[in-house]
Amino acid sequence: MACLAKVDRAEFRFVREALVVRAATLSKQVALLEAVGFVEVTKGHVGKQPRTWLSLTAAGHAALSRYLTVLRAIVDGAQGP
């Protein structure tokens, strides 16, 4: 989700390469995120080549924001007073 946070959409291949994961692994994760409404999947073509684009939904942005808030609190607590 972090790969998608600052862009309108990203091509599946870009995300896969950025995360250094196999296509099957990313596909499973995208399916789960799509099922809960955090990611939108758009399919199309560039010329004759099929393409898949991923984008965060409003719910996805909100969930990522909440997650980052929790992580910051954990880090702040670990650093001590």
PDB file of N, CA and C in Angstrom:
ATOM      1  N   MET A   1       0.821  -1.180   0.000  1.00  0.00           N
ATOM      2  CA  MET A   1       0.000   0.000   0.000  1.00  0.00           C
ATOM      3  C   MET A   1       0.874   1.256   0.000  1.00  0.00           C
ATOM      4  N   ALA A   2       2.026   1.175   0.639  1.00  0.00           N
ATOM      5  CA  ALA A   2       2.917   2.336   0.676  1.00  0.00           C
ATOM      6  C   ALA A   2       3.383   2.721  -0.722  1.00  0.00           C
ATOM      7  N   CYS A   3       3.562   1.752  -1.608  1.00  0.00           N
ATOM      8  CA  CYS A   3       3.965   2.046  -2.990  1.00  0.00           C
ATOM      9  C   CYS A   3       2.910   2.871  -3.713  1.00  0.00           C
ATOM     10  N   LEU A   4       1.683   2.752  -3.301  1.00  0.00           N
ATOM     11  CA  LEU A   4       0.579   3.420  -3.986  1.00  0.00           C
ATOM     12  C   LEU A   4       0.161   4.724  -3.311  1.00  0.00           C
ATOM     13  N   ALA A   5       0.731   5.026  -2.165  1.00  0.00           N
ATOM     14  CA  ALA A   5       0.253   6.138  -1.352  1.00  0.00           C
ATOM     15  C   ALA A   5       0.398   7.502  -2.024  1.00  0.00           C
ATOM     16  N   LYS A   6       1.443   7.716  -2.778  1.00  0.00           N
ATOM     17  CA  LYS A   6       1.705   9.050  -3.337  1.00  0.00           C
ATOM     18  C   LYS A   6       1.453   9.164  -4.840  1.00  0.00           C
ATOM     19  N   VAL A   7       0.840   8.136  -5.419  1.00  0.00           N
ATOM     20  CA  VAL A   7       0.559   8.171  -6.854  1.00  0.00           C
ATOM     21  C   VAL A   7      -0.925   7.917  -7.082  1.00  0.00           C
ATOM     22  N   ASP A   8      -1.424   8.370  -8.224  1.00  0.00           N
ATOM     23  CA  ASP A   8      -2.824   8.100  -8.563  1.00  0.00           C
ATOM     24  C   ASP A   8      -3.026   6.613  -8.834  1.00  0.00           C
ATOM     25  N   ARG A   9      -2.055   6.035  -9.563  1.00  0.00           N
ATOM     26  CA  ARG A   9      -2.090   4.606  -9.845  1.00  0.00           C
ATOM     27  C   ARG A   9      -0.694   4.169 -10.256  1.00  0.00           C
ATOM     28  N   ALA A  10      -0.445   2.882 -10.117  1.00  0.00           N
ATOM     29  CA  ALA A  10       0.845   2.319 -10.507  1.00  0.00           C
ATOM     30  C   ALA A  10       0.606   1.007 -11.229  1.00  0.00           C
ATOM     31  N   GLU A  11       1.441   0.741 -12.200  1.00  0.00           N
ATOM     32  CA  GLU A  11       1.321  -0.499 -12.939  1.00  0.00           C
ATOM     33  C   GLU A  11       1.762  -1.664 -12.043  1.00  0.00           C
ATOM     34  N   PHE A  12       1.053  -2.768 -12.168  1.00  0.00           N
ATOM     35  CA  PHE A  12       1.337  -3.970 -11.383  1.00  0.00           C
ATOM     36  C   PHE A  12       2.817  -4.326 -11.459  1.00  0.00           C
ATOM     37  N   ARG A  13       3.374  -4.304 -12.658  1.00  0.00           N
ATOM     38  CA  ARG A  13       4.777  -4.682 -12.834  1.00  0.00           C
ATOM     39  C   ARG A  13       5.706  -3.775 -12.037  1.00  0.00           C
ATOM     40  N   PHE A  14       5.441  -2.471 -12.016  1.00  0.00           N
ATOM     41  CA  PHE A  14       6.252  -1.529 -11.243  1.00  0.00           C
ATOM     42  C   PHE A  14       6.221  -1.889  -9.762  1.00  0.00           C
ATOM     43  N   VAL A  15       5.021  -2.137  -9.239  1.00  0.00           N
ATOM     44  CA  VAL A  15       4.880  -2.477  -7.821  1.00  0.00           C
ATOM     45  C   VAL A  15       5.609  -3.782  -7.517  1.00  0.00           C
ATOM     46  N   ARG A  16       5.451  -4.770  -8.376  1.00  0.00           N
ATOM     47  CA  ARG A  16       6.122  -6.057  -8.181  1.00  0.00           C
ATOM     48  C   ARG A  16       7.633  -5.878  -8.133  1.00  0.00           C
ATOM     49  N   GLU A  17       8.181  -5.114  -9.056  1.00  0.00           N
ATOM     50  CA  GLU A  17       9.623  -4.891  -9.091  1.00  0.00           C
ATOM     51  C   GLU A  17      10.097  -4.066  -7.895  1.00  0.00           C
ATOM     52  N   ALA A  18       9.305  -3.078  -7.494  1.00  0.00           N
ATOM     53  CA  ALA A  18       9.674  -2.244  -6.344  1.00  0.00           C
ATOM     54  C   ALA A  18       9.718  -3.058  -5.053  1.00  0.00           C
ATOM     55  N   LEU A  19       8.805  -4.002  -4.930  1.00  0.00           N
ATOM     56  CA  LEU A  19       8.727  -4.827  -3.727  1.00  0.00           C
ATOM     57  C   LEU A  19       9.595  -6.076  -3.793  1.00  0.00           C
ATOM     58  N   VAL A  20      10.112  -6.376  -4.970  1.00  0.00           N
ATOM     59  CA  VAL A  20      10.954  -7.555  -5.197  1.00  0.00           C
ATOM     60  C   VAL A  20      10.212  -8.818  -4.731  1.00  0.00           C
ATOM     61  N   VAL A  21       9.027  -9.008  -5.307  1.00  0.00           N
ATOM     62  CA  VAL A  21       8.229 -10.203  -5.021  1.00  0.00           C
ATOM     63  C   VAL A  21       7.795 -10.834  -6.341  1.00  0.00           C
ATOM     64  N   ARG A  22       7.383 -12.075  -6.248  1.00  0.00           N
ATOM     65  CA  ARG A  22       6.866 -12.757  -7.432  1.00  0.00           C
ATOM     66  C   ARG A  22       5.463 -12.246  -7.749  1.00  0.00           C
ATOM     67  N   ALA A  23       5.096 -12.356  -9.019  1.00  0.00           N
ATOM     68  CA  ALA A  23       3.775 -11.902  -9.450  1.00  0.00           C
ATOM     69  C   ALA A  23       2.662 -12.621  -8.692  1.00  0.00           C
ATOM     70  N   ALA A  24       2.822 -13.918  -8.464  1.00  0.00           N
ATOM     71  CA  ALA A  24       1.794 -14.683  -7.753  1.00  0.00           C
ATOM     72  C   ALA A  24       1.620 -14.182  -6.327  1.00  0.00           C
ATOM     73  N   THR A  25       2.721 -13.856  -5.677  1.00  0.00           N
ATOM     74  CA  THR A  25       2.667 -13.350  -4.305  1.00  0.00           C
ATOM     75  C   THR A  25       1.937 -12.015  -4.257  1.00  0.00           C
ATOM     76  N   LEU A  26       2.299 -11.116  -5.168  1.00  0.00           N
ATOM     77  CA  LEU A  26       1.645  -9.808  -5.199  1.00  0.00           C
ATOM     78  C   LEU A  26       0.174  -9.947  -5.565  1.00  0.00           C
ATOM     79  N   SER A  27      -0.133 -10.824  -6.499  1.00  0.00           N
ATOM     80  CA  SER A  27      -1.531 -11.028  -6.899  1.00  0.00           C
ATOM     81  C   SER A  27      -2.402 -11.440  -5.723  1.00  0.00           C
ATOM     82  N   LYS A  28      -1.887 -12.333  -4.893  1.00  0.00           N
ATOM     83  CA  LYS A  28      -2.647 -12.775  -3.711  1.00  0.00           C
ATOM     84  C   LYS A  28      -2.888 -11.618  -2.760  1.00  0.00           C
ATOM     85  N   GLN A  29      -1.857 -10.820  -2.522  1.00  0.00           N
ATOM     86  CA  GLN A  29      -2.007  -9.695  -1.605  1.00  0.00           C
ATOM     87  C   GLN A  29      -2.960  -8.641  -2.169  1.00  0.00           C
ATOM     88  N   VAL A  30      -2.849  -8.372  -3.458  1.00  0.00           N
ATOM     89  CA  VAL A  30      -3.738  -7.403  -4.094  1.00  0.00           C
ATOM     90  C   VAL A  30      -5.184  -7.880  -4.014  1.00  0.00           C
ATOM     91  N   ALA A  31      -5.415  -9.162  -4.226  1.00  0.00           N
ATOM     92  CA  ALA A  31      -6.778  -9.706  -4.143  1.00  0.00           C
ATOM     93  C   ALA A  31      -7.359  -9.501  -2.746  1.00  0.00           C
ATOM     94  N   LEU A  32      -6.541  -9.722  -1.720  1.00  0.00           N
ATOM     95  CA  LEU A  32      -7.011  -9.512  -0.350  1.00  0.00           C
ATOM     96  C   LEU A  32      -7.311  -8.036  -0.091  1.00  0.00           C
ATOM     97  N   LEU A  33      -6.424  -7.157  -0.536  1.00  0.00           N
ATOM     98  CA  LEU A  33      -6.633  -5.721  -0.331  1.00  0.00           C
ATOM     99  C   LEU A  33      -7.828  -5.205  -1.133  1.00  0.00           C
ATOM    100  N   GLU A  34      -8.030  -5.768  -2.301  1.00  0.00           N
ATOM    101  CA  GLU A  34      -9.194  -5.394  -3.103  1.00  0.00           C
ATOM    102  C   GLU A  34     -10.481  -5.871  -2.438  1.00  0.00           C
ATOM    103  N   ALA A  35     -10.455  -7.058  -1.865  1.00  0.00           N
ATOM    104  CA  ALA A  35     -11.648  -7.622  -1.223  1.00  0.00           C
ATOM    105  C   ALA A  35     -12.126  -6.777  -0.044  1.00  0.00           C
ATOM    106  N   VAL A  36     -11.189  -6.134   0.660  1.00  0.00           N
ATOM    107  CA  VAL A  36     -11.586  -5.294   1.795  1.00  0.00           C
ATOM    108  C   VAL A  36     -11.747  -3.829   1.406  1.00  0.00           C
ATOM    109  N   GLY A  37     -11.579  -3.541   0.112  1.00  0.00           N
ATOM    110  CA  GLY A  37     -11.841  -2.197  -0.379  1.00  0.00           C
ATOM    111  C   GLY A  37     -10.698  -1.214  -0.245  1.00  0.00           C
ATOM    112  N   PHE A  38      -9.479  -1.699  -0.057  1.00  0.00           N
ATOM    113  CA  PHE A  38      -8.330  -0.806   0.113  1.00  0.00           C
ATOM    114  C   PHE A  38      -7.627  -0.498  -1.205  1.00  0.00           C
ATOM    115  N   VAL A  39      -7.739  -1.391  -2.179  1.00  0.00           N
ATOM    116  CA  VAL A  39      -7.060  -1.228  -3.462  1.00  0.00           C
ATOM    117  C   VAL A  39      -8.071  -1.420  -4.588  1.00  0.00           C
ATOM    118  N   GLU A  40      -7.932  -0.597  -5.615  1.00  0.00           N
ATOM    119  CA  GLU A  40      -8.750  -0.752  -6.817  1.00  0.00           C
ATOM    120  C   GLU A  40      -7.847  -1.281  -7.928  1.00  0.00           C
ATOM    121  N   VAL A  41      -8.330  -2.263  -8.653  1.00  0.00           N
ATOM    122  CA  VAL A  41      -7.586  -2.876  -9.755  1.00  0.00           C
ATOM    123  C   VAL A  41      -8.273  -2.494 -11.058  1.00  0.00           C
ATOM    124  N   THR A  42      -7.483  -1.954 -11.982  1.00  0.00           N
ATOM    125  CA  THR A  42      -7.999  -1.577 -13.292  1.00  0.00           C
ATOM    126  C   THR A  42      -7.194  -2.320 -14.351  1.00  0.00           C
ATOM    127  N   LYS A  43      -7.890  -2.970 -15.257  1.00  0.00           N
ATOM    128  CA  LYS A  43      -7.212  -3.709 -16.333  1.00  0.00           C
ATOM    129  C   LYS A  43      -7.457  -3.006 -17.651  1.00  0.00           C
ATOM    130  N   GLY A  44      -6.441  -3.075 -18.511  1.00  0.00           N
ATOM    131  CA  GLY A  44      -6.552  -2.447 -19.814  1.00  0.00           C
ATOM    132  C   GLY A  44      -5.417  -2.910 -20.704  1.00  0.00           C
ATOM    133  N   HIS A  45      -5.178  -2.152 -21.745  1.00  0.00           N
ATOM    134  CA  HIS A  45      -4.120  -2.483 -22.693  1.00  0.00           C
ATOM    135  C   HIS A  45      -3.310  -1.241 -23.021  1.00  0.00           C
ATOM    136  N   VAL A  46      -2.043  -1.447 -23.265  1.00  0.00           N
ATOM    137  CA  VAL A  46      -1.182  -0.428 -23.848  1.00  0.00           C
ATOM    138  C   VAL A  46      -0.751  -1.030 -25.173  1.00  0.00           C
ATOM    139  N   GLY A  47      -1.300  -0.500 -26.248  1.00  0.00           N
ATOM    140  CA  GLY A  47      -1.151  -1.161 -27.539  1.00  0.00           C
ATOM    141  C   GLY A  47      -1.893  -2.486 -27.463  1.00  0.00           C
ATOM    142  N   LYS A  48      -1.194  -3.560 -27.753  1.00  0.00           N
ATOM    143  CA  LYS A  48      -1.815  -4.885 -27.653  1.00  0.00           C
ATOM    144  C   LYS A  48      -1.431  -5.610 -26.373  1.00  0.00           C
ATOM    145  N   GLN A  49      -0.628  -4.965 -25.548  1.00  0.00           N
ATOM    146  CA  GLN A  49      -0.149  -5.605 -24.330  1.00  0.00           C
ATOM    147  C   GLN A  49      -1.121  -5.370 -23.168  1.00  0.00           C
ATOM    148  N   PRO A  50      -1.571  -6.437 -22.507  1.00  0.00           N
ATOM    149  CA  PRO A  50      -2.449  -6.257 -21.350  1.00  0.00           C
ATOM    150  C   PRO A  50      -1.678  -5.636 -20.184  1.00  0.00           C
ATOM    151  N   ARG A  51      -2.341  -4.774 -19.457  1.00  0.00           N
ATOM    152  CA  ARG A  51      -1.738  -4.112 -18.298  1.00  0.00           C
ATOM    153  C   ARG A  51      -2.728  -4.128 -17.143  1.00  0.00           C
ATOM    154  N   THR A  52      -2.181  -4.102 -15.940  1.00  0.00           N
ATOM    155  CA  THR A  52      -2.993  -3.999 -14.734  1.00  0.00           C
ATOM    156  C   THR A  52      -2.451  -2.840 -13.915  1.00  0.00           C
ATOM    157  N   TRP A  53      -3.347  -1.947 -13.502  1.00  0.00           N
ATOM    158  CA  TRP A  53      -2.959  -0.816 -12.676  1.00  0.00           C
ATOM    159  C   TRP A  53      -3.605  -0.947 -11.306  1.00  0.00           C
ATOM    160  N   LEU A  54      -2.890  -0.493 -10.301  1.00  0.00           N
ATOM    161  CA  LEU A  54      -3.356  -0.549  -8.922  1.00  0.00           C
ATOM    162  C   LEU A  54      -3.437   0.867  -8.376  1.00  0.00           C
ATOM    163  N   SER A  55      -4.446   1.116  -7.567  1.00  0.00           N
ATOM    164  CA  SER A  55      -4.557   2.408  -6.889  1.00  0.00           C
ATOM    165  C   SER A  55      -5.198   2.208  -5.531  1.00  0.00           C
ATOM    166  N   LEU A  56      -4.826   3.082  -4.606  1.00  0.00           N
ATOM    167  CA  LEU A  56      -5.438   3.047  -3.275  1.00  0.00           C
ATOM    168  C   LEU A  56      -6.795   3.726  -3.331  1.00  0.00           C
ATOM    169  N   THR A  57      -7.739   3.174  -2.639  1.00  0.00           N
ATOM    170  CA  THR A  57      -9.050   3.806  -2.494  1.00  0.00           C
ATOM    171  C   THR A  57      -8.963   4.780  -1.316  1.00  0.00           C
ATOM    172  N   ALA A  58     -10.019   5.541  -1.108  1.00  0.00           N
ATOM    173  CA  ALA A  58     -10.068   6.431   0.056  1.00  0.00           C
ATOM    174  C   ALA A  58      -9.939   5.615   1.346  1.00  0.00           C
ATOM    175  N   ALA A  59     -10.596   4.457   1.377  1.00  0.00           N
ATOM    176  CA  ALA A  59     -10.494   3.581   2.556  1.00  0.00           C
ATOM    177  C   ALA A  59      -9.071   3.066   2.721  1.00  0.00           C
ATOM    178  N   GLY A  60      -8.385   2.801   1.616  1.00  0.00           N
ATOM    179  CA  GLY A  60      -7.002   2.354   1.669  1.00  0.00           C
ATOM    180  C   GLY A  60      -6.078   3.423   2.228  1.00  0.00           C
ATOM    181  N   HIS A  61      -6.287   4.660   1.781  1.00  0.00           N
ATOM    182  CA  HIS A  61      -5.491   5.773   2.314  1.00  0.00           C
ATOM    183  C   HIS A  61      -5.723   5.933   3.812  1.00  0.00           C
ATOM    184  N   ALA A  62      -6.975   5.841   4.239  1.00  0.00           N
ATOM    185  CA  ALA A  62      -7.302   5.986   5.658  1.00  0.00           C
ATOM    186  C   ALA A  62      -6.680   4.864   6.480  1.00  0.00           C
ATOM    187  N   ALA A  63      -6.743   3.638   5.984  1.00  0.00           N
ATOM    188  CA  ALA A  63      -6.161   2.495   6.701  1.00  0.00           C
ATOM    189  C   ALA A  63      -4.654   2.635   6.810  1.00  0.00           C
ATOM    190  N   LEU A  64      -4.010   3.062   5.737  1.00  0.00           N
ATOM    191  CA  LEU A  64      -2.558   3.250   5.769  1.00  0.00           C
ATOM    192  C   LEU A  64      -2.188   4.347   6.760  1.00  0.00           C
ATOM    193  N   SER A  65      -2.944   5.403   6.779  1.00  0.00           N
ATOM    194  CA  SER A  65      -2.696   6.496   7.722  1.00  0.00           C
ATOM    195  C   SER A  65      -2.814   6.020   9.171  1.00  0.00           C
ATOM    196  N   ARG A  66      -3.850   5.238   9.460  1.00  0.00           N
ATOM    197  CA  ARG A  66      -4.017   4.696  10.823  1.00  0.00           C
ATOM    198  C   ARG A  66      -2.848   3.785  11.185  1.00  0.00           C
ATOM    199  N   TYR A  67      -2.427   2.950  10.247  1.00  0.00           N
ATOM    200  CA  TYR A  67      -1.321   2.024  10.476  1.00  0.00           C
ATOM    201  C   TYR A  67      -0.030   2.792  10.766  1.00  0.00           C
ATOM    202  N   LEU A  68       0.244   3.836   9.994  1.00  0.00           N
ATOM    203  CA  LEU A  68       1.451   4.628  10.216  1.00  0.00           C
ATOM    204  C   LEU A  68       1.409   5.348  11.558  1.00  0.00           C
ATOM    205  N   THR A  69       0.239   5.784  11.971  1.00  0.00           N
ATOM    206  CA  THR A  69       0.092   6.419  13.283  1.00  0.00           C
ATOM    207  C   THR A  69       0.455   5.434  14.393  1.00  0.00           C
ATOM    208  N   VAL A  70      -0.015   4.200  14.277  1.00  0.00           N
ATOM    209  CA  VAL A  70       0.303   3.163  15.263  1.00  0.00           C
ATOM    210  C   VAL A  70       1.801   2.876  15.263  1.00  0.00           C
ATOM    211  N   LEU A  71       2.404   2.758  14.088  1.00  0.00           N
ATOM    212  CA  LEU A  71       3.849   2.506  14.017  1.00  0.00           C
ATOM    213  C   LEU A  71       4.649   3.637  14.659  1.00  0.00           C
ATOM    214  N   ARG A  72       4.234   4.885  14.407  1.00  0.00           N
ATOM    215  CA  ARG A  72       4.927   6.023  15.017  1.00  0.00           C
ATOM    216  C   ARG A  72       4.831   5.975  16.536  1.00  0.00           C
ATOM    217  N   ALA A  73       3.665   5.602  17.048  1.00  0.00           N
ATOM    218  CA  ALA A  73       3.492   5.499  18.502  1.00  0.00           C
ATOM    219  C   ALA A  73       4.395   4.415  19.078  1.00  0.00           C
ATOM    220  N   ILE A  74       4.533   3.314  18.369  1.00  0.00           N
ATOM    221  CA  ILE A  74       5.404   2.230  18.829  1.00  0.00           C
ATOM    222  C   ILE A  74       6.847   2.701  18.849  1.00  0.00           C
ATOM    223  N   VAL A  75       7.278   3.370  17.784  1.00  0.00           N
ATOM    224  CA  VAL A  75       8.651   3.871  17.715  1.00  0.00           C
ATOM    225  C   VAL A  75       8.903   4.901  18.807  1.00  0.00           C
ATOM    226  N   ASP A  76       7.966   5.823  18.986  1.00  0.00           N
ATOM    227  CA  ASP A  76       8.122   6.833  20.031  1.00  0.00           C
ATOM    228  C   ASP A  76       8.211   6.192  21.405  1.00  0.00           C
ATOM    229  N   GLY A  77       7.431   5.164  21.660  1.00  0.00           N
ATOM    230  CA  GLY A  77       7.475   4.458  22.950  1.00  0.00           C
ATOM    231  C   GLY A  77       8.775   3.707  23.146  1.00  0.00           C
ATOM    232  N   ALA A  78       9.336   3.180  22.067  1.00  0.00           N
ATOM    233  CA  ALA A  78      10.580   2.424  22.164  1.00  0.00           C
ATOM    234  C   ALA A  78      11.769   3.331  22.427  1.00  0.00           C
ATOM    235  N   GLN A  79      11.667   4.585  22.017  1.00  0.00           N
ATOM    236  CA  GLN A  79      12.776   5.513  22.207  1.00  0.00           C
ATOM    237  C   GLN A  79      12.862   6.018  23.640  1.00  0.00           C
ATOM    238  N   GLY A  80      11.795   5.843  24.402  1.00  0.00           N
ATOM    239  CA  GLY A  80      11.798   6.231  25.810  1.00  0.00           C
ATOM    240  C   GLY A  80      11.664   7.723  25.990  1.00  0.00           C
ATOM    241  N   PRO A  81      11.615   8.119  27.276  1.00  0.00           N
ATOM    242  CA  PRO A  81      11.420   9.554  27.582  1.00  0.00           C
ATOM    243  C   PRO A  81      12.651  10.389  27.275  1.00  0.00           C
TER     244      PRO A  81
END
